[in-house]
């Protein structure tokens, strides 16, 4: 399908099934639609890619897939499609979403009493122009003795499903887990809204026609 040339102010389209990313946009006052990109990143492996490259590439793939899904519906108005991917990096290993409870247990246990990094990649694609903006943000997280009992209880709850590194920062801090971090909490939870907002504002403006 040929992209529309409608240059009115676009609607935001979040290519993600994550309720946390939708909530971050909502709390930032950014109205949006949400669509599943139909891409299961838990089944993909980085195969030697750097954390920065992997997160950025996955974010772009999700944005592209979300745009393709939206176009199948025959929609024509302008959209800015947002794709995002969050990974944890621990001792040089990239950890995404756990594939099952045992995988979640391994991830959570490995984090305890150590430091890990969280990297979130974001890609925004303009459905009208094909313009794109891709960036990453990073944060550091320390777990100060969560302990096996709390980890086992959490694994049994199933709340780890669909979460990078098998946990959500705000949820676990609220539950009393001893977690410290440096950087943006929103980055750790999946969407660095502090950076994204300004980038969206710039992309929402129609392109300036060159002088004759």
Protein backbone atom coordinates (compact mmCIF):
# COMPACT_ATOMS: atom_id res chain seq x y z
CA UNK A 1 0.00 0.00 0.00
CA UNK A 2 1.25 3.47 -0.87
CA UNK A 3 1.76 5.69 2.18
CA UNK A 4 -0.66 8.54 2.60
CA UNK A 5 0.52 12.10 2.04
CA UNK A 6 -1.82 13.51 4.69
CA UNK A 7 0.35 15.92 6.71
CA UNK A 8 -2.17 16.83 9.41
CA UNK A 9 -1.09 16.34 13.02
CA UNK A 10 -0.70 12.57 13.38
CA UNK A 11 -2.21 10.18 15.89
CA UNK A 12 0.22 8.13 17.95
CA UNK A 13 0.10 4.38 17.36
CA UNK A 14 1.83 2.23 19.99
CA UNK A 15 3.00 -1.04 18.45
CA UNK A 16 3.06 -2.96 21.71
CA UNK A 17 0.95 -5.26 23.85
CA UNK A 18 2.57 -3.85 27.00
CA UNK A 19 0.11 -2.25 29.44
CA UNK A 20 3.08 -0.55 31.11
CA UNK A 21 4.10 1.32 27.97
CA UNK A 22 0.48 2.34 27.36
CA UNK A 23 0.27 3.61 30.94
CA UNK A 24 3.48 5.64 30.57
CA UNK A 25 2.07 7.36 27.48
CA UNK A 26 -1.25 7.96 29.26
CA UNK A 27 0.40 9.46 32.35
CA UNK A 28 2.43 11.73 30.06
CA UNK A 29 -0.81 13.03 28.57
CA UNK A 30 -0.13 11.52 25.14
CA UNK A 31 -3.29 10.12 23.60
CA UNK A 32 -2.64 7.07 21.47
CA UNK A 33 -4.01 3.94 19.89
CA UNK A 34 -2.41 0.55 20.57
CA UNK A 35 -1.89 -2.37 18.23
CA UNK A 36 -0.09 -5.68 18.59
CA UNK A 37 2.94 -5.83 16.29
CA UNK A 38 2.49 -9.60 16.05
CA UNK A 39 6.15 -10.09 16.89
CA UNK A 40 7.13 -12.40 19.78
CA UNK A 41 10.60 -11.22 20.79
CA UNK A 42 10.80 -13.87 23.52
CA UNK A 43 11.38 -16.39 20.72
CA UNK A 44 14.25 -14.43 19.14
CA UNK A 45 17.94 -14.51 20.09
CA UNK A 46 20.56 -11.75 19.72
CA UNK A 47 23.28 -14.11 18.43
CA UNK A 48 26.23 -11.87 19.23
CA UNK A 49 24.58 -8.47 18.71
CA UNK A 50 25.50 -5.72 21.15
CA UNK A 51 22.78 -4.75 23.68
CA UNK A 52 22.37 -1.31 22.11
CA UNK A 53 22.08 -2.70 18.58
CA UNK A 54 19.71 -5.48 19.64
CA UNK A 55 17.30 -3.20 21.53
CA UNK A 56 17.27 -0.62 18.74
CA UNK A 57 16.81 -3.27 16.02
CA UNK A 58 13.95 -4.96 17.88
CA UNK A 59 12.24 -1.62 18.47
CA UNK A 60 12.44 -0.83 14.75
CA UNK A 61 11.13 -4.28 13.78
CA UNK A 62 8.17 -3.81 16.14
CA UNK A 63 7.40 -0.35 14.75
CA UNK A 64 7.56 -1.68 11.19
CA UNK A 65 5.37 -4.66 12.05
CA UNK A 66 2.86 -2.42 13.82
CA UNK A 67 2.71 -0.11 10.82
CA UNK A 68 2.14 -3.09 8.51
CA UNK A 69 -0.67 -4.39 10.74
CA UNK A 70 -2.33 -0.97 10.81
CA UNK A 71 -2.17 -0.63 7.02
CA UNK A 72 -3.83 -4.03 6.57
CA UNK A 73 -6.91 -2.46 8.17
CA UNK A 74 -7.04 0.05 5.35
CA UNK A 75 -6.49 3.09 7.57
CA UNK A 76 -5.19 6.14 5.76
CA UNK A 77 -4.70 9.01 8.21
CA UNK A 78 -1.22 9.93 9.32
CA UNK A 79 0.28 8.01 12.25
CA UNK A 80 3.49 8.12 14.24
CA UNK A 81 4.12 4.48 15.05
CA UNK A 82 6.10 3.78 18.23
CA UNK A 83 7.97 0.51 18.71
CA UNK A 84 10.00 -0.26 21.84
CA UNK A 85 12.08 -3.10 23.21
CA UNK A 86 13.58 -3.49 26.68
CA UNK A 87 16.34 -5.88 27.67
CA UNK A 88 18.42 -6.51 30.77
CA UNK A 89 22.17 -7.03 30.53
CA UNK A 90 23.82 -9.07 33.27
CA UNK A 91 27.43 -10.20 33.19
CA UNK A 92 27.54 -9.61 29.44
CA UNK A 93 24.38 -11.63 28.72
CA UNK A 94 21.30 -10.12 27.10
CA UNK A 95 18.10 -11.12 28.90
CA UNK A 96 14.72 -10.38 27.39
CA UNK A 97 11.36 -11.84 28.36
CA UNK A 98 11.49 -15.26 30.07
CA UNK A 99 10.09 -18.14 28.06
CA UNK A 100 8.78 -20.03 31.11
CA UNK A 101 8.81 -20.09 34.93
CA UNK A 102 12.21 -21.78 35.15
CA UNK A 103 13.71 -19.16 32.85
CA UNK A 104 12.17 -16.43 35.02
CA UNK A 105 13.60 -18.03 38.15
CA UNK A 106 17.09 -18.15 36.63
CA UNK A 107 16.94 -14.49 35.64
CA UNK A 108 15.63 -13.27 38.98
CA UNK A 109 18.10 -15.34 41.00
CA UNK A 110 21.02 -14.08 38.92
CA UNK A 111 20.09 -10.45 39.65
CA UNK A 112 20.05 -10.82 43.43
CA UNK A 113 22.90 -9.06 45.27
CA UNK A 114 24.33 -7.84 41.96
CA UNK A 115 24.04 -5.01 39.45
CA UNK A 116 22.52 -5.21 35.99
CA UNK A 117 21.84 -2.75 33.18
CA UNK A 118 18.50 -2.10 31.49
CA UNK A 119 18.50 -0.92 27.87
CA UNK A 120 15.36 0.26 26.12
CA UNK A 121 15.34 0.92 22.40
CA UNK A 122 12.65 3.08 20.80
CA UNK A 123 11.77 3.57 17.14
CA UNK A 124 9.23 6.01 15.72
CA UNK A 125 8.10 5.80 12.09
CA UNK A 126 6.01 8.45 10.29
CA UNK A 127 3.43 6.60 8.19
CA UNK A 128 3.20 9.48 5.71
CA UNK A 129 6.84 10.26 5.01
CA UNK A 130 8.61 7.09 6.11
CA UNK A 131 10.74 9.28 8.38
CA UNK A 132 12.13 7.50 11.40
CA UNK A 133 13.82 8.25 14.70
CA UNK A 134 15.60 5.46 16.60
CA UNK A 135 17.30 5.86 19.96
CA UNK A 136 18.19 3.97 23.13
CA UNK A 137 18.33 4.84 26.82
CA UNK A 138 20.06 2.96 29.63
CA UNK A 139 19.72 2.63 33.39
CA UNK A 140 21.51 0.67 36.13
CA UNK A 141 19.73 -1.44 38.73
CA UNK A 142 20.94 -3.01 41.98
CA UNK A 143 19.13 -5.74 43.94
CA UNK A 144 20.17 -5.68 47.59
CA UNK A 145 19.18 -9.10 48.89
CA UNK A 146 15.72 -9.96 47.59
CA UNK A 147 16.22 -13.57 48.69
CA UNK A 148 15.01 -16.94 47.36
CA UNK A 149 11.72 -16.94 49.32
CA UNK A 150 10.45 -13.75 47.69
CA UNK A 151 11.70 -14.88 44.30
CA UNK A 152 9.88 -18.23 44.59
CA UNK A 153 6.66 -16.53 45.67
CA UNK A 154 6.91 -14.15 42.73
CA UNK A 155 7.64 -16.91 40.22
CA UNK A 156 4.58 -18.83 41.47
CA UNK A 157 2.41 -15.73 40.96
CA UNK A 158 3.06 -15.67 37.22
CA UNK A 159 3.48 -11.89 37.27
CA UNK A 160 6.87 -12.25 35.56
CA UNK A 161 5.31 -13.16 32.21
CA UNK A 162 5.92 -10.70 29.40
CA UNK A 163 8.42 -8.61 31.38
CA UNK A 164 12.02 -8.00 30.35
CA UNK A 165 14.24 -9.59 32.98
CA UNK A 166 11.07 -11.14 34.46
CA UNK A 167 10.14 -8.13 36.59
CA UNK A 168 8.55 -4.67 36.59
CA UNK A 169 10.39 -2.05 38.63
CA UNK A 170 7.45 -0.13 40.11
CA UNK A 171 5.57 -3.31 40.91
CA UNK A 172 8.51 -4.89 42.76
CA UNK A 173 9.45 -1.70 44.63
CA UNK A 174 5.83 -1.36 45.73
CA UNK A 175 6.01 -4.97 46.94
CA UNK A 176 8.93 -4.01 49.19
CA UNK A 177 11.81 -5.51 47.26
CA UNK A 178 15.15 -3.81 48.07
CA UNK A 179 15.91 -2.38 44.64
CA UNK A 180 17.95 0.72 43.79
CA UNK A 181 18.45 2.25 40.37
CA UNK A 182 20.26 5.02 38.54
CA UNK A 183 18.57 6.53 35.50
CA UNK A 184 14.96 6.80 34.39
CA UNK A 185 12.40 4.51 36.01
CA UNK A 186 10.40 4.77 32.78
CA UNK A 187 13.35 3.39 30.82
CA UNK A 188 13.48 0.40 33.17
CA UNK A 189 9.72 -0.10 32.75
CA UNK A 190 9.86 0.02 28.96
CA UNK A 191 9.52 3.55 27.56
CA UNK A 192 11.90 6.50 28.19
CA UNK A 193 9.17 9.11 27.93
CA UNK A 194 11.50 11.94 28.96
CA UNK A 195 13.39 11.57 25.67
CA UNK A 196 10.47 10.34 23.58
CA UNK A 197 8.22 13.34 24.20
CA UNK A 198 10.53 15.89 22.56
CA UNK A 199 11.26 13.61 19.63
CA UNK A 200 7.55 13.09 19.01
CA UNK A 201 6.91 16.83 19.11
CA UNK A 202 9.54 17.39 16.42
CA UNK A 203 8.18 14.61 14.22
CA UNK A 204 4.59 15.82 14.55
CA UNK A 205 5.45 19.01 12.67
CA UNK A 206 4.94 18.79 8.89
CA UNK A 207 8.13 19.01 6.85
CA UNK A 208 9.18 22.48 5.72
CA UNK A 209 8.93 22.96 1.98
CA UNK A 210 12.25 24.10 0.46
CA UNK A 211 12.40 27.71 -0.73
CA UNK A 212 11.82 28.22 -4.43
